[in-house]
Amino acid sequence: IDNLLKGAVGQAVQNMNLMFGLDEKAGLALKPSA
């Protein structure tokens, strides 16, 4: 995982989306560095 995203704030935003009935992926369509 990315420690700052799925390991921290990405997961926190994912949780916010769930708590407010939003699309779980809202704001999290991010591009990998590749």
All heavy atoms as atom14 arrays in JSON, in Angstrom:
{
  "sequence": "IDNLLKGAVGQAVQNMNLMFGLDEKAGLALKPSA",
  "atom14_mask": [
    [1, 1, 1, 1, 1, 1, 1, 1, 0, 0, 0, 0, 0, 0],
    [1, 1, 1, 1, 1, 1, 1, 1, 0, 0, 0, 0, 0, 0],
    [1, 1, 1, 1, 1, 1, 1, 1, 0, 0, 0, 0, 0, 0],
    [1, 1, 1, 1, 1, 1, 1, 1, 0, 0, 0, 0, 0, 0],
    [1, 1, 1, 1, 1, 1, 1, 1, 0, 0, 0, 0, 0, 0],
    [1, 1, 1, 1, 1, 1, 1, 1, 1, 0, 0, 0, 0, 0],
    [1, 1, 1, 1, 0, 0, 0, 0, 0, 0, 0, 0, 0, 0],
    [1, 1, 1, 1, 1, 0, 0, 0, 0, 0, 0, 0, 0, 0],
    [1, 1, 1, 1, 1, 1, 1, 0, 0, 0, 0, 0, 0, 0],
    [1, 1, 1, 1, 0, 0, 0, 0, 0, 0, 0, 0, 0, 0],
    [1, 1, 1, 1, 1, 1, 1, 1, 1, 0, 0, 0, 0, 0],
    [1, 1, 1, 1, 1, 0, 0, 0, 0, 0, 0, 0, 0, 0],
    [1, 1, 1, 1, 1, 1, 1, 0, 0, 0, 0, 0, 0, 0],
    [1, 1, 1, 1, 1, 1, 1, 1, 1, 0, 0, 0, 0, 0],
    [1, 1, 1, 1, 1, 1, 1, 1, 0, 0, 0, 0, 0, 0],
    [1, 1, 1, 1, 1, 1, 1, 1, 0, 0, 0, 0, 0, 0],
    [1, 1, 1, 1, 1, 1, 1, 1, 0, 0, 0, 0, 0, 0],
    [1, 1, 1, 1, 1, 1, 1, 1, 0, 0, 0, 0, 0, 0],
    [1, 1, 1, 1, 1, 1, 1, 1, 0, 0, 0, 0, 0, 0],
    [1, 1, 1, 1, 1, 1, 1, 1, 1, 1, 1, 0, 0, 0],
    [1, 1, 1, 1, 0, 0, 0, 0, 0, 0, 0, 0, 0, 0],
    [1, 1, 1, 1, 1, 1, 1, 1, 0, 0, 0, 0, 0, 0],
    [1, 1, 1, 1, 1, 1, 1, 1, 0, 0, 0, 0, 0, 0],
    [1, 1, 1, 1, 1, 1, 1, 1, 1, 0, 0, 0, 0, 0],
    [1, 1, 1, 1, 1, 1, 1, 1, 1, 0, 0, 0, 0, 0],
    [1, 1, 1, 1, 1, 0, 0, 0, 0, 0, 0, 0, 0, 0],
    [1, 1, 1, 1, 0, 0, 0, 0, 0, 0, 0, 0, 0, 0],
    [1, 1, 1, 1, 1, 1, 1, 1, 0, 0, 0, 0, 0, 0],
    [1, 1, 1, 1, 1, 0, 0, 0, 0, 0, 0, 0, 0, 0],
    [1, 1, 1, 1, 1, 1, 1, 1, 0, 0, 0, 0, 0, 0],
    [1, 1, 1, 1, 1, 1, 1, 1, 1, 0, 0, 0, 0, 0],
    [1, 1, 1, 1, 1, 1, 1, 0, 0, 0, 0, 0, 0, 0],
    [1, 1, 1, 1, 1, 1, 0, 0, 0, 0, 0, 0, 0, 0],
    [1, 1, 1, 1, 1, 0, 0, 0, 0, 0, 0, 0, 0, 0]
  ],
  "atom14_positions": [
    [[0.85, -1.19, 0.0], [0.0, 0.0, 0.0], [0.88, 1.24, 0.0], [2.09, 1.16, 0.23], [-0.93, 0.07, 1.23], [-0.11, 0.18, 2.53], [-1.89, -1.12, 1.29], [-0.91, 0.48, 3.77], [0.0, 0.0, 0.0], [0.0, 0.0, 0.0], [0.0, 0.0, 0.0], [0.0, 0.0, 0.0], [0.0, 0.0, 0.0], [0.0, 0.0, 0.0]],
    [[0.28, 2.39, -0.23], [0.92, 3.67, 0.03], [0.61, 4.02, 1.49], [-0.56, 4.13, 1.88], [0.35, 4.75, -0.91], [1.06, 6.09, -0.76], [1.17, 6.58, 0.38], [1.47, 6.68, -1.78], [0.0, 0.0, 0.0], [0.0, 0.0, 0.0], [0.0, 0.0, 0.0], [0.0, 0.0, 0.0], [0.0, 0.0, 0.0], [0.0, 0.0, 0.0]],
    [[1.63, 4.22, 2.31], [1.42, 4.43, 3.74], [0.65, 5.72, 4.05], [-0.07, 5.8, 5.05], [2.75, 4.44, 4.5], [3.7, 5.53, 4.03], [4.22, 5.44, 2.91], [3.93, 6.53, 4.84], [0.0, 0.0, 0.0], [0.0, 0.0, 0.0], [0.0, 0.0, 0.0], [0.0, 0.0, 0.0], [0.0, 0.0, 0.0], [0.0, 0.0, 0.0]],
    [[0.75, 6.74, 3.19], [0.04, 7.99, 3.43], [-1.38, 7.98, 2.89], [-2.2, 8.82, 3.3], [0.81, 9.17, 2.81], [2.1, 9.59, 3.51], [2.78, 10.71, 2.74], [1.85, 10.01, 4.95], [0.0, 0.0, 0.0], [0.0, 0.0, 0.0], [0.0, 0.0, 0.0], [0.0, 0.0, 0.0], [0.0, 0.0, 0.0], [0.0, 0.0, 0.0]],
    [[-1.7, 7.05, 2.0], [-3.03, 7.03, 1.38], [-3.86, 5.89, 1.94], [-4.57, 6.06, 2.91], [-2.89, 7.02, -0.14], [-2.4, 8.37, -0.69], [-1.96, 8.26, -2.14], [-3.47, 9.44, -0.54], [0.0, 0.0, 0.0], [0.0, 0.0, 0.0], [0.0, 0.0, 0.0], [0.0, 0.0, 0.0], [0.0, 0.0, 0.0], [0.0, 0.0, 0.0]],
    [[-3.79, 4.69, 1.38], [-4.54, 3.58, 1.95], [-4.14, 3.34, 3.41], [-4.93, 2.88, 4.22], [-4.35, 2.32, 1.12], [-5.18, 1.12, 1.59], [-6.69, 1.4, 1.6], [-7.47, 0.13, 1.95], [-8.9, 0.4, 2.2], [0.0, 0.0, 0.0], [0.0, 0.0, 0.0], [0.0, 0.0, 0.0], [0.0, 0.0, 0.0], [0.0, 0.0, 0.0]],
    [[-2.9, 3.69, 3.75], [-2.43, 3.53, 5.12], [-2.75, 4.69, 6.03], [-2.44, 4.64, 7.22], [0.0, 0.0, 0.0], [0.0, 0.0, 0.0], [0.0, 0.0, 0.0], [0.0, 0.0, 0.0], [0.0, 0.0, 0.0], [0.0, 0.0, 0.0], [0.0, 0.0, 0.0], [0.0, 0.0, 0.0], [0.0, 0.0, 0.0], [0.0, 0.0, 0.0]],
    [[-3.4, 5.74, 5.51], [-3.7, 6.91, 6.36], [-4.86, 7.7, 5.77], [-6.02, 7.31, 5.89], [-2.45, 7.78, 6.54], [0.0, 0.0, 0.0], [0.0, 0.0, 0.0], [0.0, 0.0, 0.0], [0.0, 0.0, 0.0], [0.0, 0.0, 0.0], [0.0, 0.0, 0.0], [0.0, 0.0, 0.0], [0.0, 0.0, 0.0], [0.0, 0.0, 0.0]],
    [[-4.56, 8.82, 5.06], [-5.63, 9.76, 4.73], [-6.51, 9.3, 3.57], [-7.68, 9.69, 3.49], [-5.07, 11.17, 4.45], [-4.35, 11.7, 5.66], [-4.16, 11.19, 3.25], [0.0, 0.0, 0.0], [0.0, 0.0, 0.0], [0.0, 0.0, 0.0], [0.0, 0.0, 0.0], [0.0, 0.0, 0.0], [0.0, 0.0, 0.0], [0.0, 0.0, 0.0]],
    [[-5.99, 8.48, 2.66], [-6.86, 7.95, 1.61], [-7.95, 7.09, 2.22], [-9.13, 7.2, 1.86], [0.0, 0.0, 0.0], [0.0, 0.0, 0.0], [0.0, 0.0, 0.0], [0.0, 0.0, 0.0], [0.0, 0.0, 0.0], [0.0, 0.0, 0.0], [0.0, 0.0, 0.0], [0.0, 0.0, 0.0], [0.0, 0.0, 0.0], [0.0, 0.0, 0.0]],
    [[-7.56, 6.23, 3.15], [-8.53, 5.4, 3.84], [-9.47, 6.27, 4.69], [-10.66, 5.97, 4.83], [-7.83, 4.36, 4.71], [-8.74, 3.34, 5.33], [-8.04, 2.04, 5.61], [-8.46, 0.99, 5.14], [-6.96, 2.07, 6.39], [0.0, 0.0, 0.0], [0.0, 0.0, 0.0], [0.0, 0.0, 0.0], [0.0, 0.0, 0.0], [0.0, 0.0, 0.0]],
    [[-8.94, 7.35, 5.27], [-9.78, 8.26, 6.06], [-10.85, 8.92, 5.19], [-12.02, 9.05, 5.6], [-8.92, 9.32, 6.74], [0.0, 0.0, 0.0], [0.0, 0.0, 0.0], [0.0, 0.0, 0.0], [0.0, 0.0, 0.0], [0.0, 0.0, 0.0], [0.0, 0.0, 0.0], [0.0, 0.0, 0.0], [0.0, 0.0, 0.0], [0.0, 0.0, 0.0]],
    [[-10.48, 9.32, 3.98], [-11.47, 9.9, 3.06], [-12.45, 8.83, 2.6], [-13.66, 9.08, 2.47], [-10.76, 10.56, 1.85], [-11.76, 10.95, 0.77], [-9.99, 11.8, 2.32], [0.0, 0.0, 0.0], [0.0, 0.0, 0.0], [0.0, 0.0, 0.0], [0.0, 0.0, 0.0], [0.0, 0.0, 0.0], [0.0, 0.0, 0.0], [0.0, 0.0, 0.0]],
    [[-11.96, 7.63, 2.35], [-12.84, 6.5, 2.04], [-13.87, 6.31, 3.15], [-15.08, 6.11, 2.89], [-12.0, 5.24, 1.86], [-12.79, 4.01, 1.42], [-11.88, 2.77, 1.26], [-10.66, 2.85, 1.38], [-12.49, 1.64, 1.01], [0.0, 0.0, 0.0], [0.0, 0.0, 0.0], [0.0, 0.0, 0.0], [0.0, 0.0, 0.0], [0.0, 0.0, 0.0]],
    [[-13.43, 6.41, 4.41], [-14.34, 6.29, 5.54], [-15.32, 7.45, 5.6], [-16.5, 7.27, 5.89], [-13.54, 6.2, 6.84], [-12.9, 4.84, 7.03], [-13.45, 3.82, 6.62], [-11.73, 4.8, 7.63], [0.0, 0.0, 0.0], [0.0, 0.0, 0.0], [0.0, 0.0, 0.0], [0.0, 0.0, 0.0], [0.0, 0.0, 0.0], [0.0, 0.0, 0.0]],
    [[-14.85, 8.66, 5.31], [-15.75, 9.82, 5.26], [-16.84, 9.6, 4.22], [-18.02, 9.89, 4.47], [-14.96, 11.09, 4.93], [-15.82, 12.35, 4.87], [-15.0, 13.77, 4.09], [-15.17, 13.33, 2.35], [0.0, 0.0, 0.0], [0.0, 0.0, 0.0], [0.0, 0.0, 0.0], [0.0, 0.0, 0.0], [0.0, 0.0, 0.0], [0.0, 0.0, 0.0]],
    [[-16.46, 9.11, 3.06], [-17.44, 8.84, 2.01], [-18.52, 7.89, 2.5], [-19.72, 8.1, 2.26], [-16.75, 8.27, 0.77], [-15.87, 9.28, 0.06], [-16.03, 10.48, 0.21], [-14.93, 8.79, -0.73], [0.0, 0.0, 0.0], [0.0, 0.0, 0.0], [0.0, 0.0, 0.0], [0.0, 0.0, 0.0], [0.0, 0.0, 0.0], [0.0, 0.0, 0.0]],
    [[-18.11, 6.83, 3.19], [-19.08, 5.87, 3.71], [-19.97, 6.5, 4.77], [-21.18, 6.27, 4.8], [-18.35, 4.66, 4.29], [-17.65, 3.74, 3.28], [-16.74, 2.74, 4.0], [-18.67, 3.0, 2.43], [0.0, 0.0, 0.0], [0.0, 0.0, 0.0], [0.0, 0.0, 0.0], [0.0, 0.0, 0.0], [0.0, 0.0, 0.0], [0.0, 0.0, 0.0]],
    [[-19.38, 7.3, 5.64], [-20.14, 7.91, 6.74], [-21.2, 8.88, 6.25], [-22.23, 9.07, 6.91], [-19.18, 8.62, 7.7], [-18.23, 7.68, 8.43], [-16.89, 8.56, 9.26], [-17.72, 9.1, 10.75], [0.0, 0.0, 0.0], [0.0, 0.0, 0.0], [0.0, 0.0, 0.0], [0.0, 0.0, 0.0], [0.0, 0.0, 0.0], [0.0, 0.0, 0.0]],
    [[-20.98, 9.49, 5.09], [-21.92, 10.47, 4.56], [-22.7, 9.96, 3.36], [-23.36, 10.74, 2.67], [-21.18, 11.77, 4.21], [-20.75, 12.55, 5.43], [-19.5, 12.36, 6.0], [-21.62, 13.45, 6.03], [-19.12, 13.06, 7.13], [-21.24, 14.16, 7.16], [-19.99, 13.96, 7.72], [0.0, 0.0, 0.0], [0.0, 0.0, 0.0], [0.0, 0.0, 0.0]],
    [[-22.66, 8.66, 3.13], [-23.45, 8.07, 2.06], [-23.01, 8.46, 0.67], [-23.81, 8.44, -0.28], [0.0, 0.0, 0.0], [0.0, 0.0, 0.0], [0.0, 0.0, 0.0], [0.0, 0.0, 0.0], [0.0, 0.0, 0.0], [0.0, 0.0, 0.0], [0.0, 0.0, 0.0], [0.0, 0.0, 0.0], [0.0, 0.0, 0.0], [0.0, 0.0, 0.0]],
    [[-21.73, 8.81, 0.5], [-21.2, 9.19, -0.81], [-20.65, 7.96, -1.53], [-20.51, 6.88, -0.95], [-20.08, 10.23, -0.63], [-20.42, 11.48, 0.18], [-19.18, 12.36, 0.32], [-21.57, 12.24, -0.44], [0.0, 0.0, 0.0], [0.0, 0.0, 0.0], [0.0, 0.0, 0.0], [0.0, 0.0, 0.0], [0.0, 0.0, 0.0], [0.0, 0.0, 0.0]],
    [[-20.33, 8.14, -2.8], [-19.63, 7.1, -3.54], [-18.33, 6.81, -2.8], [-17.53, 7.72, -2.52], [-19.34, 7.6, -4.96], [-18.58, 6.59, -5.82], [-18.09, 5.58, -5.28], [-18.46, 6.84, -7.02], [0.0, 0.0, 0.0], [0.0, 0.0, 0.0], [0.0, 0.0, 0.0], [0.0, 0.0, 0.0], [0.0, 0.0, 0.0], [0.0, 0.0, 0.0]],
    [[-18.09, 5.54, -2.47], [-16.92, 5.18, -1.68], [-15.61, 5.62, -2.32], [-14.62, 5.9, -1.64], [-16.91, 3.66, -1.46], [-15.9, 3.16, -0.47], [-16.04, 1.69, -0.18], [-17.07, 1.08, -0.6], [-15.14, 1.12, 0.46], [0.0, 0.0, 0.0], [0.0, 0.0, 0.0], [0.0, 0.0, 0.0], [0.0, 0.0, 0.0], [0.0, 0.0, 0.0]],
    [[-15.6, 5.73, -3.65], [-14.38, 6.09, -4.36], [-14.24, 7.59, -4.63], [-13.25, 8.02, -5.24], [-14.32, 5.34, -5.69], [-14.21, 3.83, -5.54], [-14.06, 3.17, -6.91], [-13.87, 1.67, -6.79], [-13.67, 1.03, -8.12], [0.0, 0.0, 0.0], [0.0, 0.0, 0.0], [0.0, 0.0, 0.0], [0.0, 0.0, 0.0], [0.0, 0.0, 0.0]],
    [[-15.21, 8.39, -4.17], [-15.21, 9.82, -4.48], [-13.91, 10.48, -3.99], [-13.48, 10.28, -2.86], [-16.41, 10.5, -3.83], [0.0, 0.0, 0.0], [0.0, 0.0, 0.0], [0.0, 0.0, 0.0], [0.0, 0.0, 0.0], [0.0, 0.0, 0.0], [0.0, 0.0, 0.0], [0.0, 0.0, 0.0], [0.0, 0.0, 0.0], [0.0, 0.0, 0.0]],
    [[-13.28, 11.24, -4.88], [-12.06, 11.96, -4.54], [-10.82, 11.1, -4.48], [-9.75, 11.58, -4.1], [0.0, 0.0, 0.0], [0.0, 0.0, 0.0], [0.0, 0.0, 0.0], [0.0, 0.0, 0.0], [0.0, 0.0, 0.0], [0.0, 0.0, 0.0], [0.0, 0.0, 0.0], [0.0, 0.0, 0.0], [0.0, 0.0, 0.0], [0.0, 0.0, 0.0]],
    [[-10.93, 9.84, -4.84], [-9.82, 8.91, -4.68], [-9.4, 8.24, -5.98], [-8.72, 7.2, -5.97], [-10.19, 7.84, -3.63], [-10.37, 8.38, -2.21], [-10.99, 7.33, -1.3], [-9.06, 8.88, -1.63], [0.0, 0.0, 0.0], [0.0, 0.0, 0.0], [0.0, 0.0, 0.0], [0.0, 0.0, 0.0], [0.0, 0.0, 0.0], [0.0, 0.0, 0.0]],
    [[-9.76, 8.84, -7.11], [-9.33, 8.32, -8.41], [-7.93, 8.87, -8.69], [-7.75, 9.87, -9.38], [-10.31, 8.74, -9.5], [0.0, 0.0, 0.0], [0.0, 0.0, 0.0], [0.0, 0.0, 0.0], [0.0, 0.0, 0.0], [0.0, 0.0, 0.0], [0.0, 0.0, 0.0], [0.0, 0.0, 0.0], [0.0, 0.0, 0.0], [0.0, 0.0, 0.0]],
    [[-6.92, 8.23, -8.11], [-5.56, 8.74, -8.11], [-4.67, 7.96, -9.08], [-4.88, 6.77, -9.31], [-4.98, 8.65, -6.69], [-5.84, 9.31, -5.62], [-5.26, 9.02, -4.22], [-5.93, 10.81, -5.84], [0.0, 0.0, 0.0], [0.0, 0.0, 0.0], [0.0, 0.0, 0.0], [0.0, 0.0, 0.0], [0.0, 0.0, 0.0], [0.0, 0.0, 0.0]],
    [[-3.68, 8.62, -9.6], [-2.78, 8.02, -10.6], [-1.54, 7.44, -9.94], [-0.83, 8.14, -9.22], [-2.37, 9.09, -11.62], [-1.37, 8.61, -12.65], [-0.87, 9.76, -13.5], [0.24, 9.31, -14.45], [1.42, 8.77, -13.75], [0.0, 0.0, 0.0], [0.0, 0.0, 0.0], [0.0, 0.0, 0.0], [0.0, 0.0, 0.0], [0.0, 0.0, 0.0]],
    [[-1.25, 6.15, -10.16], [0.0, 5.6, -9.64], [1.2, 6.2, -10.35], [1.1, 6.67, -11.49], [-0.13, 4.1, -9.96], [-1.09, 4.03, -11.1], [-2.05, 5.17, -10.9], [0.0, 0.0, 0.0], [0.0, 0.0, 0.0], [0.0, 0.0, 0.0], [0.0, 0.0, 0.0], [0.0, 0.0, 0.0], [0.0, 0.0, 0.0], [0.0, 0.0, 0.0]],
    [[2.35, 6.22, -9.67], [3.54, 6.86, -10.24], [4.05, 6.1, -11.46], [4.56, 6.7, -12.39], [4.63, 6.99, -9.19], [4.96, 5.72, -8.66], [0.0, 0.0, 0.0], [0.0, 0.0, 0.0], [0.0, 0.0, 0.0], [0.0, 0.0, 0.0], [0.0, 0.0, 0.0], [0.0, 0.0, 0.0], [0.0, 0.0, 0.0], [0.0, 0.0, 0.0]],
    [[3.97, 4.78, -11.46], [4.31, 3.9, -12.6], [5.81, 3.92, -12.94], [6.42, 2.89, -13.11], [3.49, 4.26, -13.84], [0.0, 0.0, 0.0], [0.0, 0.0, 0.0], [0.0, 0.0, 0.0], [0.0, 0.0, 0.0], [0.0, 0.0, 0.0], [0.0, 0.0, 0.0], [0.0, 0.0, 0.0], [0.0, 0.0, 0.0], [0.0, 0.0, 0.0]]
  ]
}
